[in-house]
PDB file of N, CA and C in Angstrom:
ATOM      1  N   MET A   1      35.844 -88.039 -23.319  1.00  0.00           N
ATOM      2  CA  MET A   1      34.804 -87.049 -23.278  1.00  0.00           C
ATOM      3  C   MET A   1      33.916 -87.133 -24.524  1.00  0.00           C
ATOM      4  N   LYS A   2      34.561 -87.352 -25.676  1.00  0.00           N
ATOM      5  CA  LYS A   2      33.783 -87.490 -26.901  1.00  0.00           C
ATOM      6  C   LYS A   2      32.862 -88.699 -26.824  1.00  0.00           C
ATOM      7  N   ARG A   3      33.380 -89.776 -26.228  1.00  0.00           N
ATOM      8  CA  ARG A   3      32.583 -91.002 -26.128  1.00  0.00           C
ATOM      9  C   ARG A   3      31.340 -90.775 -25.269  1.00  0.00           C
ATOM     10  N   LEU A   4      31.491 -90.040 -24.168  1.00  0.00           N
ATOM     11  CA  LEU A   4      30.346 -89.727 -23.322  1.00  0.00           C
ATOM     12  C   LEU A   4      29.322 -88.904 -24.089  1.00  0.00           C
ATOM     13  N   PHE A   5      29.792 -87.924 -24.840  1.00  0.00           N
ATOM     14  CA  PHE A   5      28.898 -87.090 -25.636  1.00  0.00           C
ATOM     15  C   PHE A   5      28.141 -87.939 -26.653  1.00  0.00           C
ATOM     16  N   TYR A   6      28.839 -88.839 -27.322  1.00  0.00           N
ATOM     17  CA  TYR A   6      28.187 -89.704 -28.311  1.00  0.00           C
ATOM     18  C   TYR A   6      27.196 -90.659 -27.653  1.00  0.00           C
ATOM     19  N   ASN A   7      27.517 -91.137 -26.452  1.00  0.00           N
ATOM     20  CA  ASN A   7      26.584 -92.012 -25.736  1.00  0.00           C
ATOM     21  C   ASN A   7      25.314 -91.257 -25.351  1.00  0.00           C
ATOM     22  N   ILE A   8      25.465 -90.016 -24.916  1.00  0.00           N
ATOM     23  CA  ILE A   8      24.298 -89.210 -24.560  1.00  0.00           C
ATOM     24  C   ILE A   8      23.424 -88.980 -25.792  1.00  0.00           C
ATOM     25  N   ILE A   9      24.055 -88.676 -26.913  1.00  0.00           N
ATOM     26  CA  ILE A   9      23.306 -88.471 -28.157  1.00  0.00           C
ATOM     27  C   ILE A   9      22.571 -89.754 -28.555  1.00  0.00           C
ATOM     28  N   ALA A  10      23.246 -90.896 -28.444  1.00  0.00           N
ATOM     29  CA  ALA A  10      22.633 -92.168 -28.830  1.00  0.00           C
ATOM     30  C   ALA A  10      21.432 -92.499 -27.940  1.00  0.00           C
ATOM     31  N   VAL A  11      21.593 -92.307 -26.637  1.00  0.00           N
ATOM     32  CA  VAL A  11      20.487 -92.608 -25.722  1.00  0.00           C
ATOM     33  C   VAL A  11      19.330 -91.650 -25.955  1.00  0.00           C
ATOM     34  N   SER A  12      19.635 -90.373 -26.165  1.00  0.00           N
ATOM     35  CA  SER A  12      18.546 -89.414 -26.352  1.00  0.00           C
ATOM     36  C   SER A  12      17.790 -89.651 -27.658  1.00  0.00           C
ATOM     37  N   THR A  13      18.473 -90.145 -28.689  1.00  0.00           N
ATOM     38  CA  THR A  13      17.749 -90.420 -29.936  1.00  0.00           C
ATOM     39  C   THR A  13      16.813 -91.611 -29.781  1.00  0.00           C
ATOM     40  N   VAL A  14      17.070 -92.461 -28.824  1.00  0.00           N
ATOM     41  CA  VAL A  14      16.177 -93.596 -28.579  1.00  0.00           C
ATOM     42  C   VAL A  14      15.072 -93.215 -27.602  1.00  0.00           C
ATOM     43  N   VAL A  15      15.426 -92.482 -26.534  1.00  0.00           N
ATOM     44  CA  VAL A  15      14.481 -92.205 -25.458  1.00  0.00           C
ATOM     45  C   VAL A  15      13.510 -91.069 -25.800  1.00  0.00           C
ATOM     46  N   LEU A  16      13.998 -90.002 -26.407  1.00  0.00           N
ATOM     47  CA  LEU A  16      13.133 -88.847 -26.658  1.00  0.00           C
ATOM     48  C   LEU A  16      11.936 -89.157 -27.558  1.00  0.00           C
ATOM     49  N   PRO A  17      12.087 -89.918 -28.631  1.00  0.00           N
ATOM     50  CA  PRO A  17      10.877 -90.245 -29.405  1.00  0.00           C
ATOM     51  C   PRO A  17       9.857 -91.065 -28.628  1.00  0.00           C
ATOM     52  N   ILE A  18      10.338 -91.906 -27.739  1.00  0.00           N
ATOM     53  CA  ILE A  18       9.405 -92.696 -26.915  1.00  0.00           C
ATOM     54  C   ILE A  18       8.629 -91.776 -25.989  1.00  0.00           C
ATOM     55  N   ILE A  19       9.316 -90.811 -25.398  1.00  0.00           N
ATOM     56  CA  ILE A  19       8.657 -89.868 -24.493  1.00  0.00           C
ATOM     57  C   ILE A  19       7.656 -89.016 -25.256  1.00  0.00           C
ATOM     58  N   THR A  20       8.070 -88.502 -26.397  1.00  0.00           N
ATOM     59  CA  THR A  20       7.212 -87.566 -27.118  1.00  0.00           C
ATOM     60  C   THR A  20       6.105 -88.244 -27.908  1.00  0.00           C
ATOM     61  N   SER A  21       6.218 -89.515 -28.184  1.00  0.00           N
ATOM     62  CA  SER A  21       5.162 -90.186 -28.948  1.00  0.00           C
ATOM     63  C   SER A  21       3.869 -90.289 -28.150  1.00  0.00           C
ATOM     64  N   ALA A  22       3.978 -90.400 -26.850  1.00  0.00           N
ATOM     65  CA  ALA A  22       2.790 -90.508 -26.018  1.00  0.00           C
ATOM     66  C   ALA A  22       2.229 -89.143 -25.649  1.00  0.00           C
ATOM     67  N   ALA A  23       2.968 -88.085 -25.945  1.00  0.00           N
ATOM     68  CA  ALA A  23       2.534 -86.747 -25.567  1.00  0.00           C
ATOM     69  C   ALA A  23       2.261 -85.917 -26.818  1.00  0.00           C
ATOM     70  N   SER A  24       1.254 -85.066 -26.713  1.00  0.00           N
ATOM     71  CA  SER A  24       0.913 -84.265 -27.880  1.00  0.00           C
ATOM     72  C   SER A  24       1.184 -82.783 -27.683  1.00  0.00           C
ATOM     73  N   THR A  25       1.299 -82.325 -26.460  1.00  0.00           N
ATOM     74  CA  THR A  25       1.548 -80.912 -26.215  1.00  0.00           C
ATOM     75  C   THR A  25       2.866 -80.733 -25.482  1.00  0.00           C
ATOM     76  N   LEU A  26       3.341 -79.506 -25.475  1.00  0.00           N
ATOM     77  CA  LEU A  26       4.584 -79.194 -24.769  1.00  0.00           C
ATOM     78  C   LEU A  26       4.435 -79.476 -23.282  1.00  0.00           C
ATOM     79  N   ARG A  27       3.273 -79.214 -22.757  1.00  0.00           N
ATOM     80  CA  ARG A  27       3.032 -79.469 -21.345  1.00  0.00           C
ATOM     81  C   ARG A  27       3.185 -80.954 -21.020  1.00  0.00           C
ATOM     82  N   GLU A  28       2.622 -81.818 -21.845  1.00  0.00           N
ATOM     83  CA  GLU A  28       2.722 -83.250 -21.604  1.00  0.00           C
ATOM     84  C   GLU A  28       4.155 -83.745 -21.742  1.00  0.00           C
ATOM     85  N   VAL A  29       4.877 -83.218 -22.723  1.00  0.00           N
ATOM     86  CA  VAL A  29       6.280 -83.598 -22.891  1.00  0.00           C
ATOM     87  C   VAL A  29       7.084 -83.177 -21.673  1.00  0.00           C
ATOM     88  N   THR A  30       6.850 -81.941 -21.208  1.00  0.00           N
ATOM     89  CA  THR A  30       7.569 -81.432 -20.037  1.00  0.00           C
ATOM     90  C   THR A  30       7.243 -82.255 -18.799  1.00  0.00           C
ATOM     91  N   GLU A  31       5.972 -82.549 -18.597  1.00  0.00           N
ATOM     92  CA  GLU A  31       5.574 -83.344 -17.437  1.00  0.00           C
ATOM     93  C   GLU A  31       6.188 -84.742 -17.489  1.00  0.00           C
ATOM     94  N   LYS A  32       6.215 -85.335 -18.664  1.00  0.00           N
ATOM     95  CA  LYS A  32       6.790 -86.676 -18.824  1.00  0.00           C
ATOM     96  C   LYS A  32       8.287 -86.658 -18.507  1.00  0.00           C
ATOM     97  N   PHE A  33       9.000 -85.648 -19.035  1.00  0.00           N
ATOM     98  CA  PHE A  33      10.444 -85.534 -18.786  1.00  0.00           C
ATOM     99  C   PHE A  33      10.732 -85.337 -17.305  1.00  0.00           C
ATOM    100  N   VAL A  34      10.018 -84.415 -16.668  1.00  0.00           N
ATOM    101  CA  VAL A  34      10.227 -84.145 -15.247  1.00  0.00           C
ATOM    102  C   VAL A  34       9.876 -85.376 -14.421  1.00  0.00           C
ATOM    103  N   ASP A  35       8.840 -86.093 -14.817  1.00  0.00           N
ATOM    104  CA  ASP A  35       8.445 -87.298 -14.099  1.00  0.00           C
ATOM    105  C   ASP A  35       9.537 -88.366 -14.175  1.00  0.00           C
ATOM    106  N   ILE A  36      10.093 -88.555 -15.351  1.00  0.00           N
ATOM    107  CA  ILE A  36      11.161 -89.555 -15.506  1.00  0.00           C
ATOM    108  C   ILE A  36      12.381 -89.172 -14.689  1.00  0.00           C
ATOM    109  N   VAL A  37      12.767 -87.904 -14.758  1.00  0.00           N
ATOM    110  CA  VAL A  37      13.952 -87.461 -14.025  1.00  0.00           C
ATOM    111  C   VAL A  37      13.718 -87.538 -12.524  1.00  0.00           C
ATOM    112  N   SER A  38      12.561 -87.073 -12.058  1.00  0.00           N
ATOM    113  CA  SER A  38      12.336 -87.018 -10.614  1.00  0.00           C
ATOM    114  C   SER A  38      12.068 -88.386 -10.001  1.00  0.00           C
ATOM    115  N   ARG A  39      11.552 -89.319 -10.761  1.00  0.00           N
ATOM    116  CA  ARG A  39      11.273 -90.641 -10.192  1.00  0.00           C
ATOM    117  C   ARG A  39      12.421 -91.629 -10.369  1.00  0.00           C
ATOM    118  N   SER A  40      13.237 -91.465 -11.380  1.00  0.00           N
ATOM    119  CA  SER A  40      14.275 -92.450 -11.657  1.00  0.00           C
ATOM    120  C   SER A  40      15.671 -91.920 -11.377  1.00  0.00           C
ATOM    121  N   LEU A  41      15.990 -90.842 -12.032  1.00  0.00           N
ATOM    122  CA  LEU A  41      17.358 -90.357 -12.025  1.00  0.00           C
ATOM    123  C   LEU A  41      17.721 -89.620 -10.745  1.00  0.00           C
ATOM    124  N   LEU A  42      16.839 -88.786 -10.244  1.00  0.00           N
ATOM    125  CA  LEU A  42      17.154 -87.955  -9.093  1.00  0.00           C
ATOM    126  C   LEU A  42      17.445 -88.765  -7.823  1.00  0.00           C
ATOM    127  N   PRO A  43      16.631 -89.747  -7.457  1.00  0.00           N
ATOM    128  CA  PRO A  43      16.975 -90.532  -6.267  1.00  0.00           C
ATOM    129  C   PRO A  43      18.320 -91.260  -6.399  1.00  0.00           C
ATOM    130  N   LEU A  44      18.616 -91.742  -7.600  1.00  0.00           N
ATOM    131  CA  LEU A  44      19.901 -92.395  -7.819  1.00  0.00           C
ATOM    132  C   LEU A  44      21.052 -91.405  -7.642  1.00  0.00           C
ATOM    133  N   LEU A  45      20.924 -90.217  -8.206  1.00  0.00           N
ATOM    134  CA  LEU A  45      21.977 -89.219  -8.075  1.00  0.00           C
ATOM    135  C   LEU A  45      22.121 -88.722  -6.635  1.00  0.00           C
ATOM    136  N   PHE A  46      21.011 -88.574  -5.925  1.00  0.00           N
ATOM    137  CA  PHE A  46      21.083 -88.208  -4.509  1.00  0.00           C
ATOM    138  C   PHE A  46      21.853 -89.264  -3.721  1.00  0.00           C
ATOM    139  N   THR A  47      21.571 -90.522  -3.988  1.00  0.00           N
ATOM    140  CA  THR A  47      22.253 -91.609  -3.295  1.00  0.00           C
ATOM    141  C   THR A  47      23.744 -91.598  -3.586  1.00  0.00           C
ATOM    142  N   ILE A  48      24.108 -91.397  -4.840  1.00  0.00           N
ATOM    143  CA  ILE A  48      25.524 -91.367  -5.213  1.00  0.00           C
ATOM    144  C   ILE A  48      26.231 -90.182  -4.554  1.00  0.00           C
ATOM    145  N   ALA A  49      25.608 -89.004  -4.580  1.00  0.00           N
ATOM    146  CA  ALA A  49      26.231 -87.816  -3.988  1.00  0.00           C
ATOM    147  C   ALA A  49      26.372 -87.962  -2.474  1.00  0.00           C
ATOM    148  N   LEU A  50      25.365 -88.524  -1.828  1.00  0.00           N
ATOM    149  CA  LEU A  50      25.450 -88.726  -0.388  1.00  0.00           C
ATOM    150  C   LEU A  50      26.521 -89.756  -0.040  1.00  0.00           C
ATOM    151  N   ALA A  51      26.598 -90.833  -0.800  1.00  0.00           N
ATOM    152  CA  ALA A  51      27.640 -91.834  -0.573  1.00  0.00           C
ATOM    153  C   ALA A  51      29.025 -91.236  -0.796  1.00  0.00           C
ATOM    154  N   TRP A  52      29.157 -90.381  -1.815  1.00  0.00           N
ATOM    155  CA  TRP A  52      30.444 -89.725  -2.092  1.00  0.00           C
ATOM    156  C   TRP A  52      30.835 -88.824  -0.924  1.00  0.00           C
ATOM    157  N   PHE A  53      29.868 -88.080  -0.370  1.00  0.00           N
ATOM    158  CA  PHE A  53      30.127 -87.210   0.770  1.00  0.00           C
ATOM    159  C   PHE A  53      30.536 -88.022   1.995  1.00  0.00           C
ATOM    160  N   ILE A  54      29.819 -89.113   2.261  1.00  0.00           N
ATOM    161  CA  ILE A  54      30.141 -89.947   3.428  1.00  0.00           C
ATOM    162  C   ILE A  54      31.503 -90.608   3.252  1.00  0.00           C
ATOM    163  N   TRP A  55      31.827 -91.022   2.036  1.00  0.00           N
ATOM    164  CA  TRP A  55      33.141 -91.588   1.764  1.00  0.00           C
ATOM    165  C   TRP A  55      34.231 -90.555   2.058  1.00  0.00           C
ATOM    166  N   GLY A  56      33.988 -89.312   1.727  1.00  0.00           N
ATOM    167  CA  GLY A  56      34.935 -88.242   2.031  1.00  0.00           C
ATOM    168  C   GLY A  56      35.111 -88.053   3.523  1.00  0.00           C
ATOM    169  N   ILE A  57      34.015 -88.133   4.282  1.00  0.00           N
ATOM    170  CA  ILE A  57      34.108 -88.012   5.742  1.00  0.00           C
ATOM    171  C   ILE A  57      34.930 -89.154   6.313  1.00  0.00           C
ATOM    172  N   VAL A  58      34.670 -90.376   5.840  1.00  0.00           N
ATOM    173  CA  VAL A  58      35.415 -91.540   6.335  1.00  0.00           C
ATOM    174  C   VAL A  58      36.894 -91.409   6.010  1.00  0.00           C
ATOM    175  N   ASP A  59      37.215 -90.991   4.781  1.00  0.00           N
ATOM    176  CA  ASP A  59      38.620 -90.798   4.418  1.00  0.00           C
ATOM    177  C   ASP A  59      39.266 -89.708   5.257  1.00  0.00           C
ATOM    178  N   PHE A  60      38.548 -88.639   5.506  1.00  0.00           N
ATOM    179  CA  PHE A  60      39.085 -87.535   6.296  1.00  0.00           C
ATOM    180  C   PHE A  60      39.405 -87.984   7.718  1.00  0.00           C
ATOM    181  N   ILE A  61      38.505 -88.757   8.315  1.00  0.00           N
ATOM    182  CA  ILE A  61      38.717 -89.224   9.691  1.00  0.00           C
ATOM    183  C   ILE A  61      39.780 -90.311   9.740  1.00  0.00           C
ATOM    184  N   ARG A  62      39.725 -91.243   8.778  1.00  0.00           N
ATOM    185  CA  ARG A  62      40.678 -92.352   8.773  1.00  0.00           C
ATOM    186  C   ARG A  62      42.106 -91.883   8.515  1.00  0.00           C
ATOM    187  N   GLY A  63      42.268 -90.867   7.687  1.00  0.00           N
ATOM    188  CA  GLY A  63      43.599 -90.379   7.365  1.00  0.00           C
ATOM    189  C   GLY A  63      43.992 -89.166   8.171  1.00  0.00           C
ATOM    190  N   ALA A  64      43.682 -89.164   9.460  1.00  0.00           N
ATOM    191  CA  ALA A  64      43.961 -88.010  10.304  1.00  0.00           C
ATOM    192  C   ALA A  64      45.453 -87.698  10.377  1.00  0.00           C
ATOM    193  N   ASP A  65      46.302 -88.694  10.215  1.00  0.00           N
ATOM    194  CA  ASP A  65      47.741 -88.453  10.315  1.00  0.00           C
ATOM    195  C   ASP A  65      48.408 -88.241   8.954  1.00  0.00           C
ATOM    196  N   ASN A  66      47.671 -88.400   7.864  1.00  0.00           N
ATOM    197  CA  ASN A  66      48.224 -88.258   6.520  1.00  0.00           C
ATOM    198  C   ASN A  66      47.527 -87.086   5.803  1.00  0.00           C
ATOM    199  N   GLN A  67      48.315 -86.055   5.497  1.00  0.00           N
ATOM    200  CA  GLN A  67      47.746 -84.849   4.905  1.00  0.00           C
ATOM    201  C   GLN A  67      47.136 -85.098   3.523  1.00  0.00           C
ATOM    202  N   SER A  68      47.756 -85.938   2.696  1.00  0.00           N
ATOM    203  CA  SER A  68      47.223 -86.169   1.352  1.00  0.00           C
ATOM    204  C   SER A  68      45.887 -86.915   1.390  1.00  0.00           C
ATOM    205  N   VAL A  69      45.727 -87.837   2.320  1.00  0.00           N
ATOM    206  CA  VAL A  69      44.458 -88.557   2.458  1.00  0.00           C
ATOM    207  C   VAL A  69      43.373 -87.606   2.963  1.00  0.00           C
ATOM    208  N   ARG A  70      43.752 -86.720   3.893  1.00  0.00           N
ATOM    209  CA  ARG A  70      42.779 -85.737   4.382  1.00  0.00           C
ATOM    210  C   ARG A  70      42.337 -84.790   3.270  1.00  0.00           C
ATOM    211  N   ASP A  71      43.292 -84.383   2.434  1.00  0.00           N
ATOM    212  CA  ASP A  71      42.947 -83.506   1.313  1.00  0.00           C
ATOM    213  C   ASP A  71      42.002 -84.199   0.327  1.00  0.00           C
ATOM    214  N   ALA A  72      42.251 -85.479   0.071  1.00  0.00           N
ATOM    215  CA  ALA A  72      41.354 -86.233  -0.814  1.00  0.00           C
ATOM    216  C   ALA A  72      39.961 -86.336  -0.191  1.00  0.00           C
ATOM    217  N   GLY A  73      39.901 -86.538   1.119  1.00  0.00           N
ATOM    218  CA  GLY A  73      38.615 -86.584   1.811  1.00  0.00           C
ATOM    219  C   GLY A  73      37.889 -85.248   1.739  1.00  0.00           C
ATOM    220  N   LYS A  74      38.636 -84.151   1.881  1.00  0.00           N
ATOM    221  CA  LYS A  74      38.022 -82.822   1.763  1.00  0.00           C
ATOM    222  C   LYS A  74      37.452 -82.591   0.376  1.00  0.00           C
ATOM    223  N   ARG A  75      38.200 -83.015  -0.649  1.00  0.00           N
ATOM    224  CA  ARG A  75      37.711 -82.849  -2.020  1.00  0.00           C
ATOM    225  C   ARG A  75      36.451 -83.666  -2.255  1.00  0.00           C
ATOM    226  N   ARG A  76      36.425 -84.896  -1.738  1.00  0.00           N
ATOM    227  CA  ARG A  76      35.225 -85.730  -1.903  1.00  0.00           C
ATOM    228  C   ARG A  76      34.029 -85.113  -1.199  1.00  0.00           C
ATOM    229  N   MET A  77      34.253 -84.609   0.015  1.00  0.00           N
ATOM    230  CA  MET A  77      33.153 -83.964   0.738  1.00  0.00           C
ATOM    231  C   MET A  77      32.652 -82.745  -0.023  1.00  0.00           C
ATOM    232  N   LEU A  78      33.569 -81.948  -0.556  1.00  0.00           N
ATOM    233  CA  LEU A  78      33.184 -80.757  -1.298  1.00  0.00           C
ATOM    234  C   LEU A  78      32.358 -81.116  -2.532  1.00  0.00           C
ATOM    235  N   TRP A  79      32.801 -82.102  -3.306  1.00  0.00           N
ATOM    236  CA  TRP A  79      32.065 -82.488  -4.513  1.00  0.00           C
ATOM    237  C   TRP A  79      30.743 -83.160  -4.170  1.00  0.00           C
ATOM    238  N   GLY A  80      30.683 -83.867  -3.045  1.00  0.00           N
ATOM    239  CA  GLY A  80      29.409 -84.438  -2.605  1.00  0.00           C
ATOM    240  C   GLY A  80      28.404 -83.357  -2.259  1.00  0.00           C
ATOM    241  N   ILE A  81      28.873 -82.312  -1.565  1.00  0.00           N
ATOM    242  CA  ILE A  81      27.993 -81.191  -1.222  1.00  0.00           C
ATOM    243  C   ILE A  81      27.559 -80.450  -2.481  1.00  0.00           C
ATOM    244  N   ILE A  82      28.483 -80.240  -3.419  1.00  0.00           N
ATOM    245  CA  ILE A  82      28.128 -79.570  -4.668  1.00  0.00           C
ATOM    246  C   ILE A  82      27.072 -80.374  -5.425  1.00  0.00           C
ATOM    247  N   GLY A  83      27.233 -81.691  -5.470  1.00  0.00           N
ATOM    248  CA  GLY A  83      26.246 -82.536  -6.137  1.00  0.00           C
ATOM    249  C   GLY A  83      24.883 -82.468  -5.468  1.00  0.00           C
ATOM    250  N   LEU A  84      24.869 -82.514  -4.147  1.00  0.00           N
ATOM    251  CA  LEU A  84      23.592 -82.427  -3.431  1.00  0.00           C
ATOM    252  C   LEU A  84      22.933 -81.069  -3.653  1.00  0.00           C
ATOM    253  N   LEU A  85      23.712 -80.004  -3.619  1.00  0.00           N
ATOM    254  CA  LEU A  85      23.152 -78.674  -3.852  1.00  0.00           C
ATOM    255  C   LEU A  85      22.632 -78.513  -5.282  1.00  0.00           C
ATOM    256  N   ALA A  86      23.309 -79.116  -6.235  1.00  0.00           N
ATOM    257  CA  ALA A  86      22.841 -79.044  -7.619  1.00  0.00           C
ATOM    258  C   ALA A  86      21.482 -79.724  -7.762  1.00  0.00           C
ATOM    259  N   MET A  87      21.294 -80.850  -7.092  1.00  0.00           N
ATOM    260  CA  MET A  87      20.011 -81.548  -7.194  1.00  0.00           C
ATOM    261  C   MET A  87      18.907 -80.816  -6.445  1.00  0.00           C
ATOM    262  N   VAL A  88      19.239 -80.203  -5.319  1.00  0.00           N
ATOM    263  CA  VAL A  88      18.253 -79.386  -4.611  1.00  0.00           C
ATOM    264  C   VAL A  88      17.883 -78.181  -5.469  1.00  0.00           C
ATOM    265  N   GLY A  89      18.863 -77.613  -6.160  1.00  0.00           N
ATOM    266  CA  GLY A  89      18.582 -76.512  -7.083  1.00  0.00           C
ATOM    267  C   GLY A  89      17.671 -76.943  -8.214  1.00  0.00           C
ATOM    268  N   TYR A  90      17.874 -78.141  -8.739  1.00  0.00           N
ATOM    269  CA  TYR A  90      16.995 -78.670  -9.791  1.00  0.00           C
ATOM    270  C   TYR A  90      15.570 -78.790  -9.282  1.00  0.00           C
ATOM    271  N   ILE A  91      15.404 -79.335  -8.087  1.00  0.00           N
ATOM    272  CA  ILE A  91      14.069 -79.480  -7.517  1.00  0.00           C
ATOM    273  C   ILE A  91      13.429 -78.110  -7.321  1.00  0.00           C
ATOM    274  N   SER A  92      14.212 -77.141  -6.878  1.00  0.00           N
ATOM    275  CA  SER A  92      13.687 -75.789  -6.681  1.00  0.00           C
ATOM    276  C   SER A  92      13.256 -75.160  -7.996  1.00  0.00           C
ATOM    277  N   LEU A  93      14.087 -75.290  -9.034  1.00  0.00           N
ATOM    278  CA  LEU A  93      13.726 -74.726 -10.336  1.00  0.00           C
ATOM    279  C   LEU A  93      12.477 -75.381 -10.913  1.00  0.00           C
ATOM    280  N   VAL A  94      12.373 -76.684 -10.774  1.00  0.00           N
ATOM    281  CA  VAL A  94      11.180 -77.379 -11.261  1.00  0.00           C
ATOM    282  C   VAL A  94       9.951 -76.892 -10.498  1.00  0.00           C
ATOM    283  N   GLY A  95      10.090 -76.676  -9.205  1.00  0.00           N
ATOM    284  CA  GLY A  95       8.974 -76.168  -8.411  1.00  0.00           C
ATOM    285  C   GLY A  95       8.548 -74.780  -8.839  1.00  0.00           C
ATOM    286  N   VAL A  96       9.526 -73.903  -9.078  1.00  0.00           N
ATOM    287  CA  VAL A  96       9.201 -72.538  -9.508  1.00  0.00           C
ATOM    288  C   VAL A  96       8.549 -72.545 -10.886  1.00  0.00           C
ATOM    289  N   PHE A  97       9.126 -73.282 -11.831  1.00  0.00           N
ATOM    290  CA  PHE A  97       8.566 -73.315 -13.179  1.00  0.00           C
ATOM    291  C   PHE A  97       7.196 -73.987 -13.212  1.00  0.00           C
ATOM    292  N   SER A  98       7.020 -75.045 -12.418  1.00  0.00           N
ATOM    293  CA  SER A  98       5.717 -75.727 -12.397  1.00  0.00           C
ATOM    294  C   SER A  98       4.633 -74.817 -11.851  1.00  0.00           C
ATOM    295  N   SER A  99       4.934 -74.132 -10.763  1.00  0.00           N
ATOM    296  CA  SER A  99       3.911 -73.268 -10.183  1.00  0.00           C
ATOM    297  C   SER A  99       3.696 -72.006 -11.007  1.00  0.00           C
ATOM    298  N   THR A 100       4.729 -71.517 -11.704  1.00  0.00           N
ATOM    299  CA  THR A 100       4.591 -70.301 -12.496  1.00  0.00           C
ATOM    300  C   THR A 100       3.872 -70.556 -13.812  1.00  0.00           C
ATOM    301  N   PHE A 101       4.325 -71.536 -14.571  1.00  0.00           N
ATOM    302  CA  PHE A 101       3.804 -71.744 -15.910  1.00  0.00           C
ATOM    303  C   PHE A 101       2.615 -72.697 -15.974  1.00  0.00           C
ATOM    304  N   PHE A 102       2.550 -73.651 -15.067  1.00  0.00           N
ATOM    305  CA  PHE A 102       1.499 -74.649 -15.141  1.00  0.00           C
ATOM    306  C   PHE A 102       0.501 -74.563 -13.997  1.00  0.00           C
ATOM    307  N   SER A 103       0.707 -73.672 -13.047  1.00  0.00           N
ATOM    308  CA  SER A 103      -0.178 -73.470 -11.897  1.00  0.00           C
ATOM    309  C   SER A 103      -0.449 -74.762 -11.144  1.00  0.00           C
ATOM    310  N   GLU A 104       0.591 -75.547 -10.982  1.00  0.00           N
ATOM    311  CA  GLU A 104       0.460 -76.808 -10.253  1.00  0.00           C
ATOM    312  C   GLU A 104       1.597 -76.924  -9.260  1.00  0.00           C
ATOM    313  N   SER A 105       1.375 -77.762  -8.261  1.00  0.00           N
ATOM    314  CA  SER A 105       2.475 -78.047  -7.348  1.00  0.00           C
ATOM    315  C   SER A 105       3.408 -79.037  -8.038  1.00  0.00           C
ATOM    316  N   PRO A 106       4.698 -78.924  -7.787  1.00  0.00           N
ATOM    317  CA  PRO A 106       5.646 -79.783  -8.505  1.00  0.00           C
ATOM    318  C   PRO A 106       5.588 -81.223  -8.019  1.00  0.00           C
ATOM    319  N   GLY A 107       5.954 -82.119  -8.903  1.00  0.00           N
ATOM    320  CA  GLY A 107       6.044 -83.528  -8.540  1.00  0.00           C
ATOM    321  C   GLY A 107       7.414 -83.816  -7.959  1.00  0.00           C
ATOM    322  N   LEU A 108       7.512 -83.685  -6.653  1.00  0.00           N
ATOM    323  CA  LEU A 108       8.795 -83.913  -6.004  1.00  0.00           C
ATOM    324  C   LEU A 108       8.997 -85.395  -5.773  1.00  0.00           C
ATOM    325  N   PRO A 109      10.267 -85.851  -5.729  1.00  0.00           N
ATOM    326  CA  PRO A 109      10.520 -87.270  -5.511  1.00  0.00           C
ATOM    327  C   PRO A 109      10.018 -87.708  -4.139  1.00  0.00           C
ATOM    328  N   GLN A 110       9.367 -88.833  -4.110  1.00  0.00           N
ATOM    329  CA  GLN A 110       8.801 -89.362  -2.872  1.00  0.00           C
ATOM    330  C   GLN A 110       9.331 -90.770  -2.641  1.00  0.00           C
ATOM    331  N   LEU A 111       9.501 -91.111  -1.372  1.00  0.00           N
ATOM    332  CA  LEU A 111       9.829 -92.483  -1.022  1.00  0.00           C
ATOM    333  C   LEU A 111       8.550 -93.285  -1.000  1.00  0.00           C
ATOM    334  N   LYS A 112       8.619 -94.490  -1.553  1.00  0.00           N
ATOM    335  CA  LYS A 112       7.431 -95.330  -1.587  1.00  0.00           C
ATOM    336  C   LYS A 112       7.252 -96.018  -0.236  1.00  0.00           C
ATOM    337  N   GLY A 113       6.068 -95.875   0.313  1.00  0.00           N
ATOM    338  CA  GLY A 113       5.747 -96.523   1.580  1.00  0.00           C
ATOM    339  C   GLY A 113       5.128 -97.883   1.346  1.00  0.00           C
ATOM    340  N   GLN A 114       4.849 -98.561   2.427  1.00  0.00           N
ATOM    341  CA  GLN A 114       4.261 -99.893   2.286  1.00  0.00           C
ATOM    342  C   GLN A 114       2.800 -99.840   2.081  1.00  0.00           C
TER     343      GLN A 114
END
């Protein structure tokens, strides 16, 4: 756990100055941060949470005769749903704060078309 904390600190000391050097106001810093999270991190986390949920469904169905495998599948499904709800909550909060404080529609993650 300490190692994860130190890794987060190390990455943030490298990334945050890069983000803030191009921005001069709090609004620009906030927009840059939300843009990075919504375009890079959020789709990756959605994919991981959905895969975790589907893996739980597969384990639950495959282990129909084994109670411990079914329980593991239930736990995976539960944590997948919690992860998906957390990301939907993030998108909702960004939408509320963007429209309240900046009077703009939020930059929601979009799939790139051809």
